[in-house]
């Protein structure tokens, strides 16, 4: 398996890029998120990769971050979701947005992605529940104070969904201890 490639970017033709690695040109499918993070053509680039082997083709998918590659791998495990659909999901939503949509069970967010209907969105939410890491959800929350409050609430036994809902009620810039107190007060209602 090819896990990582480092080389010179020689082409950008969304959703595909060309990467020259010591004289060998690789065609790599990337999400729009990764594509936007890439430098100009001619620059040196390192991408994490996932190789899909089929009867008729070997397709290389590239990712800017470990988190994005891991999410891609979780997506392709879902029944009825292929690699191209998984790439479309990662192009339409960031990893943090997807984790938050799964936590809050928001089908509407997923159906905005081209190729994802209501039934597919519901299947994604069902099969991904609990599989996208808490670090992805914490990224969706925002500030480090909010992340600390989220972790404290989940440690106290509240679900990610309840904790995120409570955090949304907090005033901006609240300190951790005060935020936990206010969030617990909101959860008690």
N, C-alpha and C. Protein backbone atom coordinates (compact mmCIF):
# COMPACT_ATOMS: atom_id res chain seq x y z
N UNK A 1 0.85 -1.18 0.00
CA UNK A 1 0.00 0.00 0.00
C UNK A 1 0.89 1.24 0.00
N UNK A 2 0.48 2.24 -0.73
CA UNK A 2 1.19 3.51 -0.76
C UNK A 2 0.57 4.39 0.30
N UNK A 3 1.32 4.76 1.33
CA UNK A 3 0.78 5.51 2.46
C UNK A 3 1.04 7.00 2.42
N UNK A 4 2.12 7.41 1.72
CA UNK A 4 2.47 8.82 1.67
C UNK A 4 3.34 9.07 0.46
N UNK A 5 3.15 10.23 -0.16
CA UNK A 5 3.98 10.62 -1.29
C UNK A 5 4.48 12.05 -1.09
N UNK A 6 5.75 12.26 -1.43
CA UNK A 6 6.33 13.59 -1.40
C UNK A 6 6.93 13.85 -2.77
N UNK A 7 6.56 14.96 -3.37
CA UNK A 7 7.07 15.28 -4.70
C UNK A 7 6.69 16.68 -5.11
N UNK A 8 6.85 16.94 -6.40
CA UNK A 8 6.57 18.26 -6.97
C UNK A 8 5.20 18.23 -7.64
N UNK A 9 4.38 19.17 -7.28
CA UNK A 9 3.05 19.31 -7.85
C UNK A 9 3.20 19.81 -9.29
N UNK A 10 2.72 19.03 -10.28
CA UNK A 10 2.87 19.47 -11.67
C UNK A 10 1.54 19.76 -12.35
N UNK A 11 0.41 19.42 -11.68
CA UNK A 11 -0.88 19.67 -12.31
C UNK A 11 -1.98 19.74 -11.27
N UNK A 12 -2.92 20.66 -11.51
CA UNK A 12 -4.14 20.74 -10.70
C UNK A 12 -5.32 20.71 -11.67
N UNK A 13 -6.06 19.61 -11.68
CA UNK A 13 -7.23 19.47 -12.53
C UNK A 13 -8.33 18.86 -11.67
N UNK A 14 -9.00 19.68 -10.86
CA UNK A 14 -9.95 19.18 -9.86
C UNK A 14 -10.89 18.12 -10.43
N UNK A 15 -11.11 17.06 -9.70
CA UNK A 15 -10.64 16.72 -8.36
C UNK A 15 -9.32 15.95 -8.35
N UNK A 16 -8.56 16.03 -9.43
CA UNK A 16 -7.32 15.29 -9.57
C UNK A 16 -6.13 16.23 -9.59
N UNK A 17 -5.02 15.75 -9.04
CA UNK A 17 -3.76 16.49 -9.15
C UNK A 17 -2.69 15.56 -9.69
N UNK A 18 -1.61 16.13 -10.18
CA UNK A 18 -0.46 15.36 -10.63
C UNK A 18 0.71 15.64 -9.73
N UNK A 19 1.38 14.58 -9.28
CA UNK A 19 2.52 14.72 -8.38
C UNK A 19 3.71 13.95 -8.95
N UNK A 20 4.81 14.66 -9.20
CA UNK A 20 6.03 14.05 -9.71
C UNK A 20 6.90 13.64 -8.53
N UNK A 21 7.08 12.32 -8.37
CA UNK A 21 7.91 11.79 -7.28
C UNK A 21 9.12 11.11 -7.91
N UNK A 22 10.25 11.83 -7.91
CA UNK A 22 11.51 11.33 -8.48
C UNK A 22 11.34 10.81 -9.91
N UNK A 23 10.64 11.57 -10.74
CA UNK A 23 10.48 11.21 -12.15
C UNK A 23 9.27 10.36 -12.46
N UNK A 24 8.54 9.91 -11.45
CA UNK A 24 7.33 9.12 -11.67
C UNK A 24 6.13 10.00 -11.37
N UNK A 25 5.23 10.14 -12.35
CA UNK A 25 4.05 10.98 -12.17
C UNK A 25 2.88 10.19 -11.63
N UNK A 26 2.30 10.65 -10.54
CA UNK A 26 1.14 10.01 -9.94
C UNK A 26 -0.10 10.90 -10.14
N UNK A 27 -1.18 10.29 -10.59
CA UNK A 27 -2.48 10.96 -10.61
C UNK A 27 -3.16 10.64 -9.30
N UNK A 28 -3.55 11.69 -8.56
CA UNK A 28 -4.12 11.50 -7.23
C UNK A 28 -5.44 12.25 -7.15
N UNK A 29 -6.48 11.55 -6.72
CA UNK A 29 -7.79 12.17 -6.49
C UNK A 29 -7.76 12.81 -5.10
N UNK A 30 -8.19 14.08 -5.01
CA UNK A 30 -8.19 14.77 -3.73
C UNK A 30 -9.53 15.46 -3.50
N UNK A 31 -9.84 15.69 -2.23
CA UNK A 31 -11.05 16.45 -1.90
C UNK A 31 -10.79 17.91 -2.19
N UNK A 32 -11.85 18.68 -2.32
CA UNK A 32 -11.70 20.11 -2.57
C UNK A 32 -11.01 20.79 -1.37
N UNK A 33 -11.23 20.27 -0.18
CA UNK A 33 -10.58 20.81 1.02
C UNK A 33 -9.07 20.70 0.89
N UNK A 34 -8.59 19.53 0.49
CA UNK A 34 -7.16 19.32 0.30
C UNK A 34 -6.65 20.15 -0.86
N UNK A 35 -7.41 20.20 -1.94
CA UNK A 35 -7.00 20.96 -3.12
C UNK A 35 -6.76 22.43 -2.78
N UNK A 36 -7.66 23.02 -1.99
CA UNK A 36 -7.53 24.43 -1.63
C UNK A 36 -6.32 24.67 -0.73
N UNK A 37 -5.89 23.65 0.02
CA UNK A 37 -4.74 23.79 0.91
C UNK A 37 -3.41 23.62 0.20
N UNK A 38 -3.43 23.15 -1.05
CA UNK A 38 -2.19 22.90 -1.78
C UNK A 38 -1.57 24.20 -2.28
N UNK A 39 -0.22 24.25 -2.33
CA UNK A 39 0.45 25.43 -2.88
C UNK A 39 0.33 25.46 -4.41
N UNK A 40 0.99 26.41 -5.03
CA UNK A 40 0.96 26.56 -6.49
C UNK A 40 1.69 25.40 -7.17
N UNK A 41 1.39 25.21 -8.46
CA UNK A 41 2.07 24.20 -9.27
C UNK A 41 3.57 24.50 -9.26
N UNK A 42 4.37 23.45 -9.12
CA UNK A 42 5.82 23.59 -9.06
C UNK A 42 6.38 23.50 -7.65
N UNK A 43 5.49 23.56 -6.65
CA UNK A 43 5.93 23.49 -5.25
C UNK A 43 6.05 22.04 -4.79
N UNK A 44 6.84 21.84 -3.76
CA UNK A 44 7.00 20.51 -3.17
C UNK A 44 5.83 20.25 -2.22
N UNK A 45 5.26 19.04 -2.31
CA UNK A 45 4.05 18.69 -1.57
C UNK A 45 4.21 17.30 -0.96
N UNK A 46 3.66 17.13 0.25
CA UNK A 46 3.56 15.81 0.87
C UNK A 46 2.09 15.52 1.12
N UNK A 47 1.62 14.37 0.63
CA UNK A 47 0.24 13.96 0.82
C UNK A 47 0.19 12.57 1.43
N UNK A 48 -0.74 12.38 2.36
CA UNK A 48 -1.04 11.04 2.85
C UNK A 48 -1.97 10.42 1.82
N UNK A 49 -1.86 9.12 1.59
CA UNK A 49 -2.64 8.52 0.51
C UNK A 49 -3.38 7.27 0.96
N UNK A 50 -4.35 6.91 0.14
CA UNK A 50 -5.09 5.66 0.32
C UNK A 50 -5.26 5.08 -1.08
N UNK A 51 -4.82 3.85 -1.27
CA UNK A 51 -4.89 3.19 -2.57
C UNK A 51 -6.10 2.27 -2.62
N UNK A 52 -6.94 2.47 -3.64
CA UNK A 52 -8.11 1.61 -3.85
C UNK A 52 -7.81 0.76 -5.07
N UNK A 53 -7.85 -0.56 -4.90
CA UNK A 53 -7.57 -1.49 -5.99
C UNK A 53 -8.89 -2.14 -6.42
N UNK A 54 -9.21 -1.95 -7.70
CA UNK A 54 -10.41 -2.57 -8.26
C UNK A 54 -9.99 -3.42 -9.45
N UNK A 55 -10.92 -4.17 -10.00
CA UNK A 55 -10.62 -5.00 -11.16
C UNK A 55 -10.09 -4.20 -12.32
N UNK A 56 -10.69 -3.04 -12.54
CA UNK A 56 -10.37 -2.25 -13.72
C UNK A 56 -9.43 -1.07 -13.47
N UNK A 57 -9.07 -0.81 -12.21
CA UNK A 57 -8.23 0.36 -11.95
C UNK A 57 -7.61 0.32 -10.56
N UNK A 58 -6.49 1.02 -10.44
CA UNK A 58 -5.88 1.31 -9.15
C UNK A 58 -5.99 2.83 -9.00
N UNK A 59 -6.70 3.28 -7.97
CA UNK A 59 -6.94 4.71 -7.80
C UNK A 59 -6.31 5.17 -6.50
N UNK A 60 -5.54 6.24 -6.59
CA UNK A 60 -4.84 6.79 -5.44
C UNK A 60 -5.58 8.05 -4.97
N UNK A 61 -5.94 8.08 -3.69
CA UNK A 61 -6.61 9.23 -3.10
C UNK A 61 -5.63 9.91 -2.16
N UNK A 62 -5.59 11.24 -2.18
CA UNK A 62 -4.64 11.98 -1.37
C UNK A 62 -5.33 12.90 -0.36
N UNK A 63 -4.66 13.10 0.77
CA UNK A 63 -5.23 13.89 1.87
C UNK A 63 -4.15 14.75 2.50
N UNK A 64 -4.54 15.96 2.90
CA UNK A 64 -3.60 16.89 3.53
C UNK A 64 -3.32 16.52 4.98
N UNK A 65 -4.31 15.89 5.66
CA UNK A 65 -4.14 15.58 7.08
C UNK A 65 -4.48 14.12 7.38
N UNK A 66 -3.92 13.63 8.46
CA UNK A 66 -4.21 12.28 8.94
C UNK A 66 -5.70 12.16 9.29
N UNK A 67 -6.25 13.21 9.88
CA UNK A 67 -7.65 13.23 10.29
C UNK A 67 -8.58 13.03 9.08
N UNK A 68 -8.25 13.70 7.98
CA UNK A 68 -9.07 13.59 6.77
C UNK A 68 -8.97 12.18 6.17
N UNK A 69 -7.77 11.61 6.15
CA UNK A 69 -7.61 10.25 5.61
C UNK A 69 -8.37 9.25 6.47
N UNK A 70 -8.28 9.38 7.79
CA UNK A 70 -8.98 8.46 8.68
C UNK A 70 -10.49 8.56 8.50
N UNK A 71 -11.00 9.77 8.34
CA UNK A 71 -12.43 9.97 8.12
C UNK A 71 -12.84 9.35 6.79
N UNK A 72 -12.02 9.50 5.75
CA UNK A 72 -12.27 8.86 4.46
C UNK A 72 -12.39 7.35 4.62
N UNK A 73 -11.48 6.78 5.39
CA UNK A 73 -11.50 5.32 5.61
C UNK A 73 -12.74 4.87 6.37
N UNK A 74 -13.21 5.70 7.30
CA UNK A 74 -14.46 5.38 8.01
C UNK A 74 -15.65 5.49 7.06
N UNK A 75 -15.64 6.49 6.18
CA UNK A 75 -16.74 6.68 5.24
C UNK A 75 -16.87 5.51 4.27
N UNK A 76 -15.75 5.00 3.75
CA UNK A 76 -15.85 3.92 2.76
C UNK A 76 -16.24 2.58 3.40
N UNK A 77 -16.22 2.49 4.71
CA UNK A 77 -16.71 1.29 5.40
C UNK A 77 -18.23 1.26 5.47
N UNK A 78 -18.87 2.42 5.28
CA UNK A 78 -20.33 2.52 5.36
C UNK A 78 -20.93 1.84 4.14
N UNK A 79 -21.95 1.02 4.36
CA UNK A 79 -22.63 0.29 3.29
C UNK A 79 -23.13 1.25 2.22
N UNK A 80 -22.76 1.00 0.97
CA UNK A 80 -23.24 1.80 -0.14
C UNK A 80 -22.44 3.07 -0.42
N UNK A 81 -21.39 3.32 0.35
CA UNK A 81 -20.57 4.51 0.14
C UNK A 81 -19.25 4.08 -0.48
N UNK A 82 -19.02 4.53 -1.70
CA UNK A 82 -17.77 4.24 -2.38
C UNK A 82 -16.76 5.34 -2.14
N UNK A 83 -15.58 5.15 -2.71
CA UNK A 83 -14.50 6.11 -2.50
C UNK A 83 -14.83 7.48 -3.09
N UNK A 84 -15.45 7.51 -4.25
CA UNK A 84 -15.78 8.81 -4.87
C UNK A 84 -16.84 9.55 -4.06
N UNK A 85 -17.82 8.82 -3.53
CA UNK A 85 -18.85 9.46 -2.70
C UNK A 85 -18.22 9.97 -1.41
N UNK A 86 -17.32 9.19 -0.82
CA UNK A 86 -16.63 9.62 0.39
C UNK A 86 -15.84 10.90 0.12
N UNK A 87 -15.19 10.96 -1.04
CA UNK A 87 -14.45 12.16 -1.41
C UNK A 87 -15.39 13.35 -1.59
N UNK A 88 -16.57 13.11 -2.14
CA UNK A 88 -17.57 14.18 -2.31
C UNK A 88 -18.01 14.71 -0.95
N UNK A 89 -18.20 13.80 0.02
CA UNK A 89 -18.59 14.21 1.37
C UNK A 89 -17.50 15.10 1.98
N UNK A 90 -16.24 14.69 1.83
CA UNK A 90 -15.13 15.47 2.38
C UNK A 90 -14.88 16.76 1.61
N UNK A 91 -15.39 16.85 0.39
CA UNK A 91 -15.30 18.09 -0.37
C UNK A 91 -16.38 19.07 0.08
N UNK A 92 -17.54 18.53 0.47
CA UNK A 92 -18.66 19.37 0.88
C UNK A 92 -18.64 19.78 2.33
N UNK A 93 -18.01 18.96 3.17
CA UNK A 93 -17.95 19.23 4.62
C UNK A 93 -16.53 19.00 5.11
N UNK A 94 -16.08 19.83 6.03
CA UNK A 94 -14.79 19.57 6.65
C UNK A 94 -14.96 18.38 7.60
N UNK A 95 -13.86 17.82 8.05
CA UNK A 95 -13.91 16.69 8.99
C UNK A 95 -14.66 17.11 10.26
N UNK A 96 -14.39 18.31 10.74
CA UNK A 96 -15.05 18.80 11.96
C UNK A 96 -16.54 18.98 11.74
N UNK A 97 -16.93 19.52 10.58
CA UNK A 97 -18.36 19.71 10.28
C UNK A 97 -19.07 18.37 10.17
N UNK A 98 -18.41 17.38 9.55
CA UNK A 98 -19.00 16.05 9.44
C UNK A 98 -19.18 15.42 10.81
N UNK A 99 -18.15 15.53 11.67
CA UNK A 99 -18.23 14.99 13.02
C UNK A 99 -19.37 15.63 13.80
N UNK A 100 -19.53 16.93 13.64
CA UNK A 100 -20.61 17.63 14.33
C UNK A 100 -21.97 17.21 13.78
N UNK A 101 -22.07 17.04 12.46
CA UNK A 101 -23.33 16.60 11.85
C UNK A 101 -23.71 15.20 12.34
N UNK A 102 -22.71 14.33 12.48
CA UNK A 102 -22.97 12.97 12.98
C UNK A 102 -23.39 13.03 14.44
N UNK A 103 -22.71 13.83 15.24
CA UNK A 103 -23.03 13.94 16.66
C UNK A 103 -24.43 14.47 16.87
N UNK A 104 -24.78 15.50 16.10
CA UNK A 104 -26.10 16.12 16.26
C UNK A 104 -27.18 15.46 15.39
N UNK A 105 -26.78 14.41 14.63
CA UNK A 105 -27.69 13.67 13.76
C UNK A 105 -28.44 14.59 12.81
N UNK A 106 -27.69 15.42 12.09
CA UNK A 106 -28.26 16.40 11.15
C UNK A 106 -28.23 15.87 9.72
N UNK A 107 -29.32 15.26 9.27
CA UNK A 107 -29.38 14.74 7.90
C UNK A 107 -29.35 15.87 6.88
N UNK A 108 -29.94 17.00 7.23
CA UNK A 108 -30.00 18.13 6.30
C UNK A 108 -28.63 18.61 5.85
N UNK A 109 -27.67 18.55 6.75
CA UNK A 109 -26.31 18.97 6.41
C UNK A 109 -25.69 18.04 5.37
N UNK A 110 -25.95 16.75 5.51
CA UNK A 110 -25.37 15.77 4.59
C UNK A 110 -26.07 15.77 3.24
N UNK A 111 -27.38 16.02 3.21
CA UNK A 111 -28.10 16.00 1.94
C UNK A 111 -27.71 17.16 1.03
N UNK A 112 -27.02 18.14 1.56
CA UNK A 112 -26.53 19.26 0.74
C UNK A 112 -25.34 18.83 -0.12
N UNK A 113 -24.72 17.71 0.22
CA UNK A 113 -23.59 17.19 -0.55
C UNK A 113 -24.14 16.51 -1.80
N UNK A 114 -23.63 16.86 -3.00
CA UNK A 114 -24.11 16.22 -4.23
C UNK A 114 -23.94 14.69 -4.17
N UNK A 115 -25.00 13.97 -4.52
CA UNK A 115 -24.95 12.51 -4.53
C UNK A 115 -25.40 11.87 -3.23
N UNK A 116 -25.73 12.66 -2.22
CA UNK A 116 -26.19 12.13 -0.94
C UNK A 116 -27.67 12.48 -0.78
N UNK A 117 -28.50 11.44 -0.82
CA UNK A 117 -29.93 11.62 -0.60
C UNK A 117 -30.27 11.41 0.86
N UNK A 118 -31.56 11.49 1.16
CA UNK A 118 -32.00 11.38 2.55
C UNK A 118 -31.66 10.01 3.15
N UNK A 119 -31.93 8.93 2.41
CA UNK A 119 -31.66 7.59 2.94
C UNK A 119 -30.17 7.35 3.15
N UNK A 120 -29.36 7.81 2.20
CA UNK A 120 -27.90 7.66 2.34
C UNK A 120 -27.40 8.47 3.53
N UNK A 121 -27.93 9.67 3.70
CA UNK A 121 -27.54 10.52 4.82
C UNK A 121 -27.89 9.84 6.14
N UNK A 122 -29.09 9.26 6.22
CA UNK A 122 -29.50 8.57 7.45
C UNK A 122 -28.61 7.37 7.73
N UNK A 123 -28.22 6.62 6.68
CA UNK A 123 -27.34 5.47 6.85
C UNK A 123 -25.96 5.93 7.33
N UNK A 124 -25.46 7.03 6.75
CA UNK A 124 -24.17 7.58 7.17
C UNK A 124 -24.20 7.96 8.65
N UNK A 125 -25.25 8.66 9.06
CA UNK A 125 -25.36 9.09 10.45
C UNK A 125 -25.43 7.90 11.39
N UNK A 126 -26.16 6.88 11.00
CA UNK A 126 -26.31 5.69 11.83
C UNK A 126 -24.99 4.93 11.97
N UNK A 127 -24.33 4.69 10.83
CA UNK A 127 -23.12 3.87 10.85
C UNK A 127 -21.88 4.61 11.35
N UNK A 128 -21.88 5.93 11.28
CA UNK A 128 -20.71 6.69 11.74
C UNK A 128 -20.82 7.11 13.19
N UNK A 129 -22.00 6.98 13.78
CA UNK A 129 -22.20 7.42 15.16
C UNK A 129 -21.20 6.71 16.08
N UNK A 130 -20.44 7.50 16.82
CA UNK A 130 -19.45 6.95 17.74
C UNK A 130 -18.12 6.58 17.10
N UNK A 131 -18.02 6.70 15.76
CA UNK A 131 -16.78 6.31 15.08
C UNK A 131 -15.89 7.49 14.76
N UNK A 132 -16.45 8.68 14.68
CA UNK A 132 -15.62 9.86 14.43
C UNK A 132 -15.14 10.36 15.78
N UNK A 133 -13.83 10.52 15.93
CA UNK A 133 -13.22 10.82 17.22
C UNK A 133 -13.70 12.10 17.87
N UNK A 134 -13.59 12.14 19.18
CA UNK A 134 -13.97 13.32 19.96
C UNK A 134 -13.10 14.51 19.59
N UNK A 135 -11.87 14.25 19.12
CA UNK A 135 -11.01 15.36 18.71
C UNK A 135 -11.58 16.07 17.50
N UNK A 136 -12.29 15.34 16.61
CA UNK A 136 -12.96 15.96 15.47
C UNK A 136 -14.09 16.86 15.94
N UNK A 137 -14.83 16.42 16.94
CA UNK A 137 -15.94 17.19 17.48
C UNK A 137 -15.39 18.42 18.19
N UNK A 138 -14.31 18.24 18.94
CA UNK A 138 -13.71 19.36 19.65
C UNK A 138 -13.25 20.43 18.66
N UNK A 139 -12.75 20.01 17.50
CA UNK A 139 -12.34 20.96 16.48
C UNK A 139 -13.53 21.76 15.98
N UNK A 140 -14.69 21.11 15.90
CA UNK A 140 -15.90 21.79 15.43
C UNK A 140 -16.38 22.82 16.43
N UNK A 141 -16.07 22.61 17.69
CA UNK A 141 -16.55 23.51 18.74
C UNK A 141 -15.90 24.88 18.62
N UNK A 142 -14.60 24.94 18.49
CA UNK A 142 -13.95 26.23 18.33
C UNK A 142 -12.81 26.44 19.29
N UNK A 143 -12.98 27.36 20.26
CA UNK A 143 -11.89 27.77 21.14
C UNK A 143 -11.45 26.64 22.07
N UNK A 144 -10.26 26.80 22.64
CA UNK A 144 -9.74 25.80 23.56
C UNK A 144 -10.59 25.74 24.83
N UNK A 145 -11.14 26.89 25.26
CA UNK A 145 -12.01 26.89 26.44
C UNK A 145 -13.25 26.04 26.17
N UNK A 146 -13.84 26.20 24.99
CA UNK A 146 -15.02 25.42 24.64
C UNK A 146 -14.69 23.93 24.56
N UNK A 147 -13.50 23.61 24.04
CA UNK A 147 -13.06 22.22 23.96
C UNK A 147 -12.92 21.63 25.36
N UNK A 148 -12.33 22.40 26.30
CA UNK A 148 -12.18 21.94 27.68
C UNK A 148 -13.54 21.72 28.33
N UNK A 149 -14.47 22.63 28.08
CA UNK A 149 -15.82 22.50 28.65
C UNK A 149 -16.50 21.26 28.08
N UNK A 150 -16.36 21.04 26.76
CA UNK A 150 -16.94 19.86 26.11
C UNK A 150 -16.39 18.58 26.74
N UNK A 151 -15.08 18.52 26.92
CA UNK A 151 -14.46 17.33 27.50
C UNK A 151 -14.92 17.12 28.94
N UNK A 152 -15.09 18.19 29.70
CA UNK A 152 -15.55 18.07 31.08
C UNK A 152 -16.98 17.53 31.12
N UNK A 153 -17.83 18.03 30.25
CA UNK A 153 -19.23 17.57 30.23
C UNK A 153 -19.33 16.11 29.80
N UNK A 154 -18.55 15.71 28.80
CA UNK A 154 -18.60 14.30 28.38
C UNK A 154 -18.02 13.40 29.46
N UNK A 155 -17.02 13.89 30.20
CA UNK A 155 -16.45 13.11 31.31
C UNK A 155 -17.47 12.93 32.43
N UNK A 156 -18.38 13.89 32.56
CA UNK A 156 -19.44 13.79 33.57
C UNK A 156 -20.59 12.89 33.13
N UNK A 157 -20.50 12.36 31.90
CA UNK A 157 -21.51 11.41 31.45
C UNK A 157 -22.54 11.95 30.48
N UNK A 158 -22.44 13.22 30.11
CA UNK A 158 -23.37 13.78 29.13
C UNK A 158 -22.94 13.35 27.72
N UNK A 159 -23.91 13.17 26.83
CA UNK A 159 -23.59 12.78 25.46
C UNK A 159 -22.97 13.96 24.72
N UNK A 160 -22.32 13.66 23.59
CA UNK A 160 -21.72 14.71 22.78
C UNK A 160 -22.80 15.69 22.31
N UNK A 161 -23.95 15.16 21.95
CA UNK A 161 -25.05 16.00 21.46
C UNK A 161 -25.52 16.96 22.55
N UNK A 162 -25.73 16.45 23.76
CA UNK A 162 -26.16 17.30 24.88
C UNK A 162 -25.09 18.35 25.21
N UNK A 163 -23.83 17.91 25.22
CA UNK A 163 -22.73 18.81 25.56
C UNK A 163 -22.60 19.94 24.54
N UNK A 164 -22.67 19.60 23.25
CA UNK A 164 -22.57 20.63 22.21
C UNK A 164 -23.73 21.61 22.30
N UNK A 165 -24.93 21.11 22.56
CA UNK A 165 -26.10 21.98 22.70
C UNK A 165 -25.91 22.94 23.87
N UNK A 166 -25.38 22.45 24.98
CA UNK A 166 -25.15 23.30 26.15
C UNK A 166 -24.08 24.35 25.87
N UNK A 167 -23.04 23.98 25.14
CA UNK A 167 -21.96 24.91 24.82
C UNK A 167 -22.46 26.05 23.93
N UNK A 168 -23.41 25.74 23.06
CA UNK A 168 -23.95 26.78 22.18
C UNK A 168 -24.70 27.86 22.95
N UNK A 169 -25.13 27.57 24.17
CA UNK A 169 -25.86 28.56 24.98
C UNK A 169 -24.92 29.49 25.75
N UNK A 170 -23.63 29.17 25.76
CA UNK A 170 -22.67 29.95 26.55
C UNK A 170 -22.32 31.27 25.88
N UNK A 171 -22.07 32.31 26.68
CA UNK A 171 -21.63 33.58 26.10
C UNK A 171 -20.20 33.44 25.55
N UNK A 172 -19.87 34.25 24.56
CA UNK A 172 -18.54 34.21 23.95
C UNK A 172 -17.46 34.59 24.97
N UNK A 173 -16.33 33.89 24.90
CA UNK A 173 -15.18 34.22 25.74
C UNK A 173 -15.31 33.81 27.19
N UNK A 174 -16.23 32.92 27.51
CA UNK A 174 -16.43 32.49 28.89
C UNK A 174 -15.24 31.64 29.35
N UNK A 175 -14.86 31.78 30.61
CA UNK A 175 -13.78 30.98 31.19
C UNK A 175 -14.26 29.55 31.41
N UNK A 176 -13.33 28.61 31.53
CA UNK A 176 -13.68 27.20 31.63
C UNK A 176 -14.57 26.90 32.84
N UNK A 177 -14.15 27.31 34.03
CA UNK A 177 -14.92 26.98 35.23
C UNK A 177 -16.33 27.57 35.18
N UNK A 178 -16.42 28.83 34.76
CA UNK A 178 -17.73 29.49 34.64
C UNK A 178 -18.55 28.82 33.53
N UNK A 179 -17.89 28.45 32.44
CA UNK A 179 -18.57 27.78 31.33
C UNK A 179 -19.15 26.44 31.74
N UNK A 180 -18.40 25.68 32.52
CA UNK A 180 -18.90 24.38 33.00
C UNK A 180 -20.11 24.60 33.90
N UNK A 181 -20.02 25.57 34.78
CA UNK A 181 -21.13 25.88 35.68
C UNK A 181 -22.39 26.26 34.89
N UNK A 182 -22.23 27.15 33.92
CA UNK A 182 -23.37 27.60 33.11
C UNK A 182 -23.92 26.47 32.23
N UNK A 183 -23.04 25.63 31.71
CA UNK A 183 -23.48 24.52 30.87
C UNK A 183 -24.25 23.50 31.70
N UNK A 184 -23.77 23.22 32.91
CA UNK A 184 -24.49 22.29 33.78
C UNK A 184 -25.86 22.85 34.17
N UNK A 185 -25.92 24.15 34.36
CA UNK A 185 -27.18 24.80 34.68
C UNK A 185 -28.16 24.65 33.50
N UNK A 186 -27.62 24.84 32.28
CA UNK A 186 -28.46 24.70 31.08
C UNK A 186 -28.92 23.25 30.90
N UNK A 187 -28.06 22.31 31.22
CA UNK A 187 -28.42 20.89 31.08
C UNK A 187 -29.43 20.45 32.13
N UNK A 188 -29.45 21.13 33.26
CA UNK A 188 -30.38 20.77 34.35
C UNK A 188 -31.83 21.16 34.03
N UNK A 189 -32.01 22.06 33.09
CA UNK A 189 -33.36 22.53 32.75
C UNK A 189 -34.16 21.47 32.07
